[in-house]
Every structure is written in structure tokens, then in C-alpha cells.
Amino acid sequence: MRLVIDTNVVISALLRDSTTRLLLTSPFLELYAPDYLLDELSFHKEEILRKSGVSREAMAELKSGLLKFVIFVKSTGYSEFLEKAKLNL
């Protein structure tokens, strides 16, 4: 199954060992995310660290482990479809 995920899903998986984390690491899912997700994670890094209660090293390892399951898509790959998609909401 192919799914598009956003930053909130990844943050949820980083904050606690949960069903979300389990799903993100499932070999049965093909996960896609916009490349700016990495920028958003960097922007919220301190807050994620504080709320998770884990060390920087543990967070870096967890983040790396989760993101290896994600296929990142550059905005140039979908930006031309954004306006049409918004009309369908």
C-alpha cells in the first residue's frame, strides 16, 4: 500500500513508541513525503527532543531509522498539481 505522510505523523512516531511508529516501519507500506518534511523536523527539533525525553544521540538514531522507510519527493514533482488538488477539497 502506498501512503503519503506529513510531518505530524513522523513527529508522533518520534515522540513515543506507538502504533504510528510500528506502521512507519512496516515493510508492507510504501511511504512518501514531501522533501520539506526534513526542514520542518529540523525547525521543531528542540521541541521534539524536550517532549520525547530522549537524548540527542537516541533521537538522531531513531529519526534516521524511521526516515529510511520514507521516499522523499521534491516539490517540483508535484507543485504543478497543487492548485487543481486544492479545488477538489
N, C-alpha and C. Protein backbone atom coordinates (compact mmCIF):
# COMPACT_ATOMS: atom_id res chain seq x y z
N MET A 1 0.84 -1.16 0.00
CA MET A 1 0.00 0.00 0.00
C MET A 1 0.90 1.24 0.00
N ARG A 2 0.52 2.23 -0.78
CA ARG A 2 1.26 3.48 -0.83
C ARG A 2 0.53 4.54 -0.01
N LEU A 3 1.30 5.25 0.82
CA LEU A 3 0.73 6.31 1.65
C LEU A 3 1.60 7.55 1.59
N VAL A 4 0.96 8.70 1.66
CA VAL A 4 1.67 9.96 1.78
C VAL A 4 1.57 10.37 3.25
N ILE A 5 2.71 10.68 3.84
CA ILE A 5 2.72 11.08 5.25
C ILE A 5 3.20 12.52 5.36
N ASP A 6 2.84 13.14 6.47
CA ASP A 6 3.30 14.50 6.70
C ASP A 6 4.14 14.56 7.97
N THR A 7 4.60 15.74 8.28
CA THR A 7 5.49 15.95 9.42
C THR A 7 4.86 15.51 10.73
N ASN A 8 3.57 15.76 10.89
CA ASN A 8 2.90 15.40 12.14
C ASN A 8 2.97 13.91 12.42
N VAL A 9 2.87 13.10 11.38
CA VAL A 9 2.94 11.65 11.54
C VAL A 9 4.34 11.25 12.02
N VAL A 10 5.36 11.83 11.41
CA VAL A 10 6.73 11.50 11.79
C VAL A 10 7.02 11.97 13.21
N ILE A 11 6.57 13.17 13.55
CA ILE A 11 6.78 13.68 14.91
C ILE A 11 6.10 12.76 15.92
N SER A 12 4.90 12.32 15.62
CA SER A 12 4.19 11.40 16.51
C SER A 12 5.01 10.13 16.74
N ALA A 13 5.59 9.61 15.67
CA ALA A 13 6.40 8.39 15.79
C ALA A 13 7.69 8.65 16.57
N LEU A 14 8.22 9.86 16.49
CA LEU A 14 9.43 10.20 17.23
C LEU A 14 9.17 10.39 18.72
N LEU A 15 7.99 10.85 19.06
CA LEU A 15 7.70 11.19 20.45
C LEU A 15 7.48 9.97 21.35
N ARG A 16 6.91 8.90 20.79
CA ARG A 16 6.66 7.73 21.63
C ARG A 16 6.63 6.46 20.81
N ASP A 17 6.96 5.38 21.47
CA ASP A 17 6.89 4.07 20.84
C ASP A 17 5.42 3.72 20.73
N SER A 18 4.88 3.80 19.53
CA SER A 18 3.44 3.72 19.35
C SER A 18 3.09 2.93 18.09
N THR A 19 1.80 2.81 17.86
CA THR A 19 1.31 2.18 16.65
C THR A 19 1.79 2.95 15.42
N THR A 20 1.85 4.25 15.53
CA THR A 20 2.34 5.07 14.41
C THR A 20 3.77 4.67 14.05
N ARG A 21 4.61 4.53 15.04
CA ARG A 21 6.00 4.12 14.79
C ARG A 21 6.04 2.73 14.15
N LEU A 22 5.23 1.84 14.65
CA LEU A 22 5.17 0.48 14.10
C LEU A 22 4.73 0.51 12.63
N LEU A 23 3.72 1.31 12.32
CA LEU A 23 3.24 1.42 10.94
C LEU A 23 4.30 2.02 10.01
N LEU A 24 5.02 3.02 10.50
CA LEU A 24 6.03 3.67 9.65
C LEU A 24 7.17 2.73 9.30
N THR A 25 7.37 1.71 10.08
CA THR A 25 8.46 0.77 9.81
C THR A 25 7.96 -0.53 9.19
N SER A 26 6.71 -0.55 8.79
CA SER A 26 6.14 -1.75 8.19
C SER A 26 6.69 -1.98 6.79
N PRO A 27 7.11 -3.20 6.50
CA PRO A 27 7.59 -3.50 5.15
C PRO A 27 6.45 -3.59 4.12
N PHE A 28 5.22 -3.53 4.59
CA PHE A 28 4.06 -3.63 3.71
C PHE A 28 3.57 -2.28 3.21
N LEU A 29 4.19 -1.21 3.69
CA LEU A 29 3.79 0.13 3.28
C LEU A 29 4.90 0.80 2.48
N GLU A 30 4.49 1.57 1.49
CA GLU A 30 5.42 2.39 0.72
C GLU A 30 5.08 3.83 1.09
N LEU A 31 5.96 4.47 1.83
CA LEU A 31 5.68 5.79 2.38
C LEU A 31 6.35 6.90 1.56
N TYR A 32 5.59 7.93 1.27
CA TYR A 32 6.08 9.09 0.54
C TYR A 32 5.87 10.33 1.37
N ALA A 33 6.79 11.28 1.23
CA ALA A 33 6.67 12.55 1.96
C ALA A 33 7.33 13.65 1.13
N PRO A 34 6.84 14.88 1.28
CA PRO A 34 7.49 16.00 0.60
C PRO A 34 8.86 16.24 1.22
N ASP A 35 9.80 16.67 0.40
CA ASP A 35 11.17 16.86 0.90
C ASP A 35 11.28 17.92 1.99
N TYR A 36 10.32 18.85 2.05
CA TYR A 36 10.38 19.89 3.09
C TYR A 36 10.08 19.34 4.49
N LEU A 37 9.65 18.09 4.57
CA LEU A 37 9.43 17.45 5.86
C LEU A 37 10.72 17.50 6.69
N LEU A 38 11.85 17.31 6.05
CA LEU A 38 13.14 17.35 6.75
C LEU A 38 13.41 18.73 7.35
N ASP A 39 13.06 19.77 6.62
CA ASP A 39 13.21 21.14 7.14
C ASP A 39 12.31 21.37 8.35
N GLU A 40 11.08 20.86 8.27
CA GLU A 40 10.14 21.02 9.38
C GLU A 40 10.63 20.27 10.62
N LEU A 41 11.19 19.10 10.43
CA LEU A 41 11.73 18.35 11.57
C LEU A 41 12.88 19.11 12.20
N SER A 42 13.72 19.69 11.39
CA SER A 42 14.85 20.49 11.92
C SER A 42 14.34 21.69 12.70
N PHE A 43 13.32 22.35 12.15
CA PHE A 43 12.75 23.52 12.81
C PHE A 43 12.19 23.19 14.19
N HIS A 44 11.59 22.02 14.33
CA HIS A 44 10.95 21.61 15.58
C HIS A 44 11.83 20.70 16.44
N LYS A 45 13.09 20.57 16.09
CA LYS A 45 14.00 19.61 16.74
C LYS A 45 14.04 19.75 18.26
N GLU A 46 14.22 20.95 18.75
CA GLU A 46 14.33 21.15 20.21
C GLU A 46 13.04 20.78 20.93
N GLU A 47 11.92 21.15 20.36
CA GLU A 47 10.63 20.81 20.97
C GLU A 47 10.41 19.29 20.98
N ILE A 48 10.77 18.63 19.89
CA ILE A 48 10.64 17.18 19.81
C ILE A 48 11.53 16.52 20.86
N LEU A 49 12.76 16.99 20.98
CA LEU A 49 13.67 16.45 21.98
C LEU A 49 13.11 16.62 23.39
N ARG A 50 12.62 17.81 23.67
CA ARG A 50 12.09 18.11 25.01
C ARG A 50 10.89 17.21 25.32
N LYS A 51 9.98 17.09 24.38
CA LYS A 51 8.77 16.30 24.63
C LYS A 51 9.02 14.80 24.66
N SER A 52 10.02 14.34 23.93
CA SER A 52 10.29 12.91 23.88
C SER A 52 11.04 12.42 25.11
N GLY A 53 11.88 13.28 25.68
CA GLY A 53 12.65 12.90 26.85
C GLY A 53 13.83 12.00 26.55
N VAL A 54 14.23 11.90 25.30
CA VAL A 54 15.38 11.07 24.95
C VAL A 54 16.58 11.96 24.63
N SER A 55 17.75 11.38 24.64
CA SER A 55 18.97 12.15 24.35
C SER A 55 19.04 12.51 22.87
N ARG A 56 19.90 13.47 22.55
CA ARG A 56 20.11 13.87 21.16
C ARG A 56 20.58 12.68 20.32
N GLU A 57 21.46 11.89 20.90
CA GLU A 57 22.00 10.74 20.18
C GLU A 57 20.91 9.71 19.89
N ALA A 58 20.09 9.43 20.89
CA ALA A 58 18.99 8.47 20.71
C ALA A 58 17.99 8.99 19.69
N MET A 59 17.72 10.30 19.73
CA MET A 59 16.78 10.88 18.77
C MET A 59 17.33 10.82 17.36
N ALA A 60 18.60 11.10 17.20
CA ALA A 60 19.22 11.05 15.87
C ALA A 60 19.14 9.63 15.30
N GLU A 61 19.38 8.65 16.15
CA GLU A 61 19.31 7.26 15.72
C GLU A 61 17.88 6.86 15.36
N LEU A 62 16.93 7.27 16.18
CA LEU A 62 15.53 6.97 15.93
C LEU A 62 15.05 7.63 14.64
N LYS A 63 15.39 8.90 14.49
CA LYS A 63 14.99 9.65 13.29
C LYS A 63 15.55 9.00 12.03
N SER A 64 16.82 8.66 12.07
CA SER A 64 17.46 8.00 10.94
C SER A 64 16.79 6.67 10.62
N GLY A 65 16.49 5.92 11.66
CA GLY A 65 15.84 4.63 11.48
C GLY A 65 14.46 4.74 10.86
N LEU A 66 13.70 5.74 11.28
CA LEU A 66 12.35 5.93 10.73
C LEU A 66 12.38 6.44 9.30
N LEU A 67 13.26 7.41 9.04
CA LEU A 67 13.25 8.06 7.74
C LEU A 67 13.80 7.19 6.62
N LYS A 68 14.47 6.10 6.97
CA LYS A 68 14.94 5.21 5.91
C LYS A 68 13.79 4.48 5.23
N PHE A 69 12.60 4.52 5.84
CA PHE A 69 11.42 3.90 5.26
C PHE A 69 10.62 4.86 4.39
N VAL A 70 11.08 6.11 4.29
CA VAL A 70 10.32 7.15 3.59
C VAL A 70 11.00 7.51 2.27
N ILE A 71 10.20 7.63 1.24
CA ILE A 71 10.67 8.09 -0.07
C ILE A 71 10.33 9.57 -0.15
N PHE A 72 11.34 10.40 -0.28
CA PHE A 72 11.11 11.85 -0.32
C PHE A 72 10.91 12.32 -1.75
N VAL A 73 9.92 13.20 -1.92
CA VAL A 73 9.56 13.72 -3.23
C VAL A 73 9.84 15.21 -3.26
N LYS A 74 10.59 15.64 -4.25
CA LYS A 74 10.88 17.07 -4.40
C LYS A 74 9.61 17.79 -4.83
N SER A 75 9.43 19.01 -4.37
CA SER A 75 8.21 19.76 -4.68
C SER A 75 8.04 19.97 -6.18
N THR A 76 9.11 19.95 -6.94
CA THR A 76 8.99 20.09 -8.40
C THR A 76 8.25 18.91 -9.00
N GLY A 77 8.17 17.82 -8.26
CA GLY A 77 7.47 16.63 -8.75
C GLY A 77 5.97 16.71 -8.61
N TYR A 78 5.47 17.65 -7.83
CA TYR A 78 4.02 17.73 -7.63
C TYR A 78 3.47 19.15 -7.61
N SER A 79 4.32 20.16 -7.61
CA SER A 79 3.85 21.55 -7.45
C SER A 79 2.86 21.97 -8.53
N GLU A 80 3.00 21.44 -9.74
CA GLU A 80 2.08 21.82 -10.81
C GLU A 80 0.66 21.31 -10.57
N PHE A 81 0.48 20.36 -9.66
CA PHE A 81 -0.83 19.79 -9.39
C PHE A 81 -1.50 20.37 -8.14
N LEU A 82 -0.82 21.23 -7.41
CA LEU A 82 -1.35 21.75 -6.15
C LEU A 82 -2.65 22.53 -6.32
N GLU A 83 -2.70 23.43 -7.26
CA GLU A 83 -3.91 24.24 -7.44
C GLU A 83 -5.12 23.37 -7.79
N LYS A 84 -4.93 22.41 -8.68
CA LYS A 84 -6.01 21.52 -9.04
C LYS A 84 -6.46 20.69 -7.83
N ALA A 85 -5.51 20.23 -7.05
CA ALA A 85 -5.85 19.45 -5.86
C ALA A 85 -6.64 20.27 -4.86
N LYS A 86 -6.25 21.54 -4.67
CA LYS A 86 -6.97 22.40 -3.73
C LYS A 86 -8.42 22.60 -4.15
N LEU A 87 -8.69 22.62 -5.45
CA LEU A 87 -10.05 22.79 -5.94
C LEU A 87 -10.91 21.57 -5.62
N ASN A 88 -10.28 20.44 -5.41
CA ASN A 88 -11.02 19.21 -5.12
C ASN A 88 -11.26 18.98 -3.64
N LEU A 89 -10.82 19.89 -2.80
CA LEU A 89 -11.03 19.73 -1.37
C LEU A 89 -12.41 20.15 -0.95
